[in-house]
Amino acid sequence: TIDVIRQWISDGAANSPAAAAASSAAFAVVAISPAQEATLSAPLTRMVVAFNHELDASLVNDTTVHLERLIGEAAEPAGPFGAELAEGNPRVLLITPRRALAAGRYRLTLRGNGGGALADVDARVLGDDYTREFTVDTTP
């Protein structure tokens, strides 16, 4: 999970032959941590999203990246968070809650369609929204 993504980042994200093939591929998410339906021990300090192309940093904002707490069928904002490209690797988006997430279920959504959707530096949009739901468990 996160260790795999960290190693992928450390290795430079994509090697030369793969990078050439990836440049013509559609813009896509290649990994998200936490994984779908993961249960994580508190505190959750960071979420990581890896893309196959460099992300256009000017499109990273609170309309394209959402973090919500799920309460039954309803959802509410999970609180303030930062979203920025990883230093030295513009294919990785780091999402950092500004305060500890309370115990409960959460949904991370990346807006991939419509005006102002997340796109790569060549203006290719994701095409679809990406969502991940996960649980934060604060019991020791």
Foldseek 3Di string as FASTA:
>chain_A
DVVVVVVCVVVVVDDDVLLVVLVPDFKAWDDKPPAAAAEAEPQDFKIKIFISAQWDFVLDDCVFKAKWFDDPPDTDGQADWDWGADVPHRRMIMIGHPDGGDWGKMKIKGAFDDPSGIDHPVRRTNNHMDMGMYTYDHDD
